[in-house]
């Protein structure tokens, strides 16, 4: 039983840490959009609309990965234990 509790704690903390990173990335993406977009536009030759779409897709994919690889295993282990 100890290993199930360890795994549950592991996935719980992974979820918390990754949600924190997602929250910080979302907060930083708002006010610093102009600075970050300028840098990325010069680096990759993309327009403002393309960069906004890319940022949104990045955050959406990261959130989906958190749910699939952290939150769902955590919930499954809570149900099992």
C-alpha atoms as a PDB file:
ATOM      1  CA  UNK A   1       0.000   0.000   0.000  1.00  0.00           C
ATOM      2  CA  UNK A   2       2.886   2.346   0.614  1.00  0.00           C
ATOM      3  CA  UNK A   3       3.815   2.419  -3.059  1.00  0.00           C
ATOM      4  CA  UNK A   4       0.264   3.411  -4.053  1.00  0.00           C
ATOM      5  CA  UNK A   5       0.342   6.226  -1.533  1.00  0.00           C
ATOM      6  CA  UNK A   6       3.729   7.337  -2.844  1.00  0.00           C
ATOM      7  CA  UNK A   7       2.498   7.291  -6.439  1.00  0.00           C
ATOM      8  CA  UNK A   8      -0.644   9.202  -5.458  1.00  0.00           C
ATOM      9  CA  UNK A   9       1.438  11.852  -3.723  1.00  0.00           C
ATOM     10  CA  UNK A  10       3.805  12.002  -6.705  1.00  0.00           C
ATOM     11  CA  UNK A  11       1.028  12.592  -9.233  1.00  0.00           C
ATOM     12  CA  UNK A  12      -0.678  15.045  -6.894  1.00  0.00           C
ATOM     13  CA  UNK A  13       2.438  17.180  -6.587  1.00  0.00           C
ATOM     14  CA  UNK A  14       3.156  16.880 -10.308  1.00  0.00           C
ATOM     15  CA  UNK A  15      -0.323  18.234 -10.967  1.00  0.00           C
ATOM     16  CA  UNK A  16       0.118  21.122  -8.532  1.00  0.00           C
ATOM     17  CA  UNK A  17       3.535  22.079  -9.904  1.00  0.00           C
ATOM     18  CA  UNK A  18       2.449  21.896 -13.538  1.00  0.00           C
ATOM     19  CA  UNK A  19      -0.750  23.876 -12.882  1.00  0.00           C
ATOM     20  CA  UNK A  20       1.412  26.513 -11.200  1.00  0.00           C
ATOM     21  CA  UNK A  21       3.661  26.699 -14.248  1.00  0.00           C
ATOM     22  CA  UNK A  22       0.593  26.972 -16.489  1.00  0.00           C
ATOM     23  CA  UNK A  23      -0.827  29.745 -14.312  1.00  0.00           C
ATOM     24  CA  UNK A  24       2.439  31.698 -14.371  1.00  0.00           C
ATOM     25  CA  UNK A  25       2.762  31.253 -18.151  1.00  0.00           C
ATOM     26  CA  UNK A  26      -0.791  32.485 -18.644  1.00  0.00           C
ATOM     27  CA  UNK A  27      -0.288  35.491 -16.392  1.00  0.00           C
ATOM     28  CA  UNK A  28       3.021  36.429 -18.017  1.00  0.00           C
ATOM     29  CA  UNK A  29       1.618  35.976 -21.543  1.00  0.00           C
ATOM     30  CA  UNK A  30      -0.937  38.737 -20.955  1.00  0.00           C
ATOM     31  CA  UNK A  31       0.979  41.817 -19.798  1.00  0.00           C
ATOM     32  CA  UNK A  32       4.223  40.931 -21.576  1.00  0.00           C
ATOM     33  CA  UNK A  33       2.597  39.977 -24.887  1.00  0.00           C
ATOM     34  CA  UNK A  34       4.125  42.930 -26.768  1.00  0.00           C
ATOM     35  CA  UNK A  35       7.681  42.242 -25.616  1.00  0.00           C
ATOM     36  CA  UNK A  36       7.493  38.496 -26.114  1.00  0.00           C
ATOM     37  CA  UNK A  37       5.715  38.819 -29.467  1.00  0.00           C
ATOM     38  CA  UNK A  38       8.358  41.246 -30.706  1.00  0.00           C
ATOM     39  CA  UNK A  39      11.178  38.894 -29.810  1.00  0.00           C
ATOM     40  CA  UNK A  40       9.474  35.835 -31.301  1.00  0.00           C
ATOM     41  CA  UNK A  41       8.386  37.717 -34.414  1.00  0.00           C
ATOM     42  CA  UNK A  42      12.014  38.638 -35.120  1.00  0.00           C
ATOM     43  CA  UNK A  43      13.288  35.155 -34.314  1.00  0.00           C
ATOM     44  CA  UNK A  44      10.764  33.174 -36.351  1.00  0.00           C
ATOM     45  CA  UNK A  45       9.437  35.706 -38.875  1.00  0.00           C
ATOM     46  CA  UNK A  46       5.809  35.286 -37.786  1.00  0.00           C
ATOM     47  CA  UNK A  47       3.077  37.893 -37.672  1.00  0.00           C
ATOM     48  CA  UNK A  48       1.227  39.057 -34.554  1.00  0.00           C
ATOM     49  CA  UNK A  49      -1.890  36.977 -35.340  1.00  0.00           C
ATOM     50  CA  UNK A  50       0.176  33.835 -35.901  1.00  0.00           C
ATOM     51  CA  UNK A  51       2.015  34.336 -32.612  1.00  0.00           C
ATOM     52  CA  UNK A  52      -1.211  34.846 -30.655  1.00  0.00           C
ATOM     53  CA  UNK A  53      -2.567  31.608 -32.112  1.00  0.00           C
ATOM     54  CA  UNK A  54       0.694  29.801 -31.310  1.00  0.00           C
ATOM     55  CA  UNK A  55       0.663  31.001 -27.691  1.00  0.00           C
ATOM     56  CA  UNK A  56      -2.939  29.919 -27.239  1.00  0.00           C
ATOM     57  CA  UNK A  57      -2.237  26.505 -28.765  1.00  0.00           C
ATOM     58  CA  UNK A  58       0.819  26.070 -26.552  1.00  0.00           C
ATOM     59  CA  UNK A  59      -1.165  26.807 -23.392  1.00  0.00           C
ATOM     60  CA  UNK A  60      -4.041  24.579 -24.540  1.00  0.00           C
ATOM     61  CA  UNK A  61      -1.724  21.659 -25.334  1.00  0.00           C
ATOM     62  CA  UNK A  62       0.127  22.066 -22.056  1.00  0.00           C
ATOM     63  CA  UNK A  63      -3.154  22.054 -20.126  1.00  0.00           C
ATOM     64  CA  UNK A  64      -4.309  18.920 -21.966  1.00  0.00           C
ATOM     65  CA  UNK A  65      -1.001  17.191 -21.201  1.00  0.00           C
ATOM     66  CA  UNK A  66      -1.358  18.070 -17.503  1.00  0.00           C
ATOM     67  CA  UNK A  67      -4.831  16.579 -17.406  1.00  0.00           C
ATOM     68  CA  UNK A  68      -3.870  13.399 -19.277  1.00  0.00           C
ATOM     69  CA  UNK A  69      -0.507  12.666 -17.689  1.00  0.00           C
ATOM     70  CA  UNK A  70      -0.897  14.097 -14.152  1.00  0.00           C
ATOM     71  CA  UNK A  71      -4.485  14.677 -13.094  1.00  0.00           C
ATOM     72  CA  UNK A  72      -6.125  11.543 -14.511  1.00  0.00           C
ATOM     73  CA  UNK A  73      -3.559   9.141 -12.959  1.00  0.00           C
ATOM     74  CA  UNK A  74      -3.908  11.013  -9.656  1.00  0.00           C
ATOM     75  CA  UNK A  75      -7.704  10.639  -9.699  1.00  0.00           C
ATOM     76  CA  UNK A  76      -7.380   6.962 -10.635  1.00  0.00           C
ATOM     77  CA  UNK A  77      -5.030   6.336  -7.718  1.00  0.00           C
ATOM     78  CA  UNK A  78      -7.366   8.179  -5.343  1.00  0.00           C
ATOM     79  CA  UNK A  79     -10.236   5.957  -6.489  1.00  0.00           C
ATOM     80  CA  UNK A  80      -8.154   2.781  -6.132  1.00  0.00           C
ATOM     81  CA  UNK A  81      -6.779   3.643  -2.705  1.00  0.00           C
END
